Amino acid sequence: MRILFDNPRNNKIKVSIILLDWSCRESFHTLQYLNDQSVDRDQYEIIWIEFYDARPPSITNMLQKSIQDGRLPIIDKWIIMEMPNNIYYHKHLMYNVGIVASSGNITVICDSDAMVKPSFIQNIIKSFDDDPNIVLHIDEVRNLNRKFYPFNYHSFDEILGEGCINWVGGRTAGLAEKNDFIHMRNYGACMCALRQDLINIGGADEHIDYLGHICGPYEMTFRLINTGRKEIWHDKEFLYHTWHPGSDGLNNYLGPHDGRNVSTRALQIKDTGRILPFQENEILKQIRLGKNVDKGSLINRIIDDKSLADWEVDDNKFFISFGRIAYHRKEFDEAIKNWKKVSGPYTLDDIFLNEFARAYYFRSEYNKAIELFNTAIVINPNNALVLAGLGWAHLQKKDFTKAKEYFETALKIKDRKNEDDLMCPLRGLGLLRKVSFIYSLPSGSILYKVIYPIFTNLAQYSFSFYSIMIKIGRRLKNKDFRVPESLKRRFKKNAFTRHFLKNSSEILGLSEYLRYDSYPCEIPGYNVKSNLDFLLLELPPRYMPLMPNGLGYVHNILSKCGISFQTIDANIAIYHKYHENRLKHHLKSITTSSGYAMVEDPWANFNMSEWDKKEVIDFFMFELKELIAQITMNKPKAVGISLSGNNRNLAKQFVKELRKNLPHVTVVVGGYDCVYHSVGQTLFSDFDYMVIGEAELTLEALVKALAKGDKPKDLPGIVSRYDSPGRVWEKIPLLKDLDLIDFPTYQWAKHVWYQDCERKHLVPITASRGCNWGKCRFCGECFTFRIRNPKKVADEIEYHTKNGFNTFHFNESDVNGAPQILYDLCSEIIKRRLRLKFMAQLRIDKRNTADYFKHLASAGFTHLRFGVDGWTDKLMRLQNKGYNLRMVFQNLRDCHNAGITTTVNTVIGVPGETEEDVDETIENIVSCKNYISIIESFNTLLLIAGSEYYRNPDKYKIRFRVSKETIYSEHAYFVPPELWYSEDPYIDQEVRMRRVERIISGLYENGVNIGSFASKVVEDLRRQRSQNERLEIEQIHS
């Protein structure tokens, strides 16, 4: 988030006006009207909030001119939220940003493309002076005549003339309406409330149901009413709105609504008397609880990164939205067609399931409707509409006893009753009393044949019959004889043409839908045994729900050593304890005792940097105290810790605390951080023994010696603090026959523990080790390529399917290192008729034919990632990739045409790369964009330990800012990019980043899906670029 402009105000501001944009506004005339008011400009402030990254030149020009003219700036705060382009907009988050940023006693959330009269702010102030215990709404006059576009400052009388659709007798039709306020008045046009009142109710609700178009400040109005505030509509002041295209922005997601675009979740507030949000912004919560925090820092912390994952544009939201459009048009077949494609946690939403069940009901598929209604009622037993739906469905099934039971339960379910909700079960009970007469008639009689269809059809359409009659009655009462918009849509069935952006095939999940009492599993304990020779630990974080296959292989080694040992996965214990606690207390995130707000899921791949923060380490170390206490009490001879790279900092603190209690405990480490003997010791120094690389040929001798009480030294493949001075390191031979070792079965834990809080699982499979090519100059892969028998790999996969797992990820450099072996594995999977999903990284290869990819798809491969890395023939030669561009195009095309999600990686800035190569890279990627589902990553070249570039920098004209020896000694893992450059041509990190920006921008402009990681790069680059723009604005202000 960036505050592009901030005009400090010393005087007491009475009113703060919050105006929103989500890259959709064309005209900014509202700012002119708001700066031409009858009250002094010192009494109010104007805050403009942009959700994405738009910086309209019109606002810059208007701002500059107002300052040059010696007036107060036309806006007081200009906030750019810089949200990723691959998420739907969420106005409620923008409301909260405005509430936090505002300084006035009265907060006004106002349509940002409307006209207002000079008395607008004066009448708002007067209303609250007369009665501060109110929430004030101002209705909006709407004119659909297209002659007013583009906007040209027409008179108010013109707006009230031809094309005005809701002006009756000197006021809006909404104010003239006596019954249906919610639908006839524009609750989203302008809402005014005391800022403190909004803080007291927790600000705007950021629940995902309000994502996109179905939203508005009225949900805060309903909650303010529940606190005792009075809802007032001003009868003299109005907003005036003219037609323009694209008023809903780019990403138009439709949350659950009542068929007339009023949020179902907001209507629940009226029924239940709720005051706090379903999902409260953590920063608003801190303010509500009276924490004394700096406003500037609060604005920058108000965005919850995990929520962004929930708001991503994906297929599920696409299908849900189009299903709702069809449902409310009574196109139930189309609604069901879309909703059948919805998967994941969305299917745990009782509101969605209620809609889905009703669609089946109207298709007379009552058994399916009852099934979905029953699922919904398990999720929310207090959903009266679901109970009424069950009553109607059972009535159709002639199960009158159950129908009566559900209708009566629906009537009793709420203390605060909504009339429309009551009518559904009341009419059901009324119909039940008549049904007994119908079914008492002889089934073959003429009377039965006449009356039965009438009553059954009435029952089938009773959900909508009452509301239709009410609509007709209101139109007659208001003398409104215009053709209903819904009827117009029936004549123009395909009028809705704005497609939803979608680029994600995976569901990140909505954890707020999960109830505590249905948490996926019980919380694993530690239960350290006594008299252990060796205790093997997995410390957090490791990405969940991926199972720890490295730990599994070490466990198998220990099981053959004849020692007393135990394996404990502390990662799953801490993970499930954290998320059970979060869900139990309905928290989006957890705040530490130091006041640090944790991200919702610290285990997510994109949140791993959280584990570098002291507050996070301290929080989870407190959770690990029990484990340390049990280890201290039971005193194992040795403790082994798997270092994954991400858990390095926590492991350091864990060992430090453990040694305080057990000074003489032997600590053995291994894992990802320990691939190279020199690098490993630099990354993690507090060890007694470090197992370098693979452990199958080295670990057994060590643990047997430790079990005897020995302290061995100079062991092959192991570094020790007991080693002889000046010991010369010798690499240990690798295990050549991988079929000699067993695959991991994770028998130390219940398999159900290896699912995340959204019930997802992912089983890693290692069908090979090392890389068969192993010549890419930037890669640090150091292991010789070895493969397993495909039948044994299939045995491993089939084993896990018997435990209910069916999604697998191949944890290897290139799954097709031996193409025929992979083909044979697929044949074995097909032969065993296993229905699975596989994900893997694949190397570009001429043997990857169209038939080859079809065979992979038949076995269950759904997602393949290619390390293309260089996108010209020259760059591939420089990187030593071993293939050419023609082969790349053929592989991507055939993979995509086989129905497999096809993704790619790219490396930028290798020595010898030129600007012409960058141009050609853009051109080549764009030319095959139809075969690329997503570009998963853009990486600038890293000098990684073990790579060819790292080992022989002079050969590739790589130079260093200080001596190579100093850099290599201080940075054993990789060389920081700012410390090196290459010559001929000159390329440093600034050049590399500039090229990344140019490539990504070029691809973005040409419609290439650059993915979330690359999008993050774009955001960072845009922030850097906007710094100059901000300085320019600040200079204007000064």
Foldseek 3Di string as FASTA:
>chain_A
DDWLAAADADDAAAEEEEEEDAPQDDDQCQLVQVVQAPDDPSRYAYEYEYAAADDDVVLVVQQLVCVVVVHDGSHRIYYYNNFFPQFFAFVQLSQVLSLLPDRHQKYKYAYRAWHWHNCVVVVVVVVCVVPQLAKEDAFEWEFEDCVCPPPDPDDPVVLVDPRTDADDPHFGVLVVDDPCNPQRTDQAHMIMHGSLLCLLLQGGARPPLSTFQLHHCVLLVLLSVLVPGHYYYDGNTHIYDYDDPRPRPAFHFHGDDDLRSHGPVSVVCNFASRRHHLAHFPLSNCVNVPPDDDSVVSSVVRDFVVVRQQRGFALQSQLCRQLVVCLSLVVLVSNLVSNVPHDFQVLLALSSLLSNLLSCLLVVVLVVSLVSLVSSCVLPVLPLSSLLSNLLSVVLVVVNVSNLVSLVCSCPRTPRDDPLSNVSSVVSVVLSVVVVVLVVDPCPDPVNVVVVVVSSVCSSCVNCVVVVVVVVVSCVVSVPPDDDPSVVCVVVVCPPDSHHDHQDHDRPHDLLSDALVVFLDDADDFPDDAPFQEEEEEDDDAAALEDDQLSLQVVQLVVPLPGGYAYDYVNLNLQSVQLSVCNNVSHCFDAAPVGRTDRSHCNHPVNLVVLVDPRVLVRVVVVCVVVLVVCLVRVHQEYEYEDAPSCLVSVQVVVVVSCVSVVNRAYEYEYDQQQDPQRNCQSHPPHFKYQHRDPNVFVSVVSSCSSVVHRDEPGQRMHGPPYDPPDDHDHDDDDAAPQVTAGGPPVSDQPSSSHHRSRDHEYEAEQWEFALQPAQQQDQTDDHIHGYQLVRSLVVQVVVVVVVDAHYEYPYDAPVSPVVRVLVNLVVLVVVVRAHAYEYEHEQDPVLALVSLLSVVSSHYAEYEYAPAAQAQVVCVLRVRPDHNVSVLRNLQSNVVSNHAYEYEYEFAAQPDDPVSLVNSLVRCLVNLVSHSEHAYYHYRWRAPNGNCVVCVVVRQKDFPDDNVVQCSNCVGTGPQQGIWGVPPTTGVVNRLVSLQVSVVSCVVSPRHHHDHSSVSNSVVVVVVCVVVSVVSVVSND
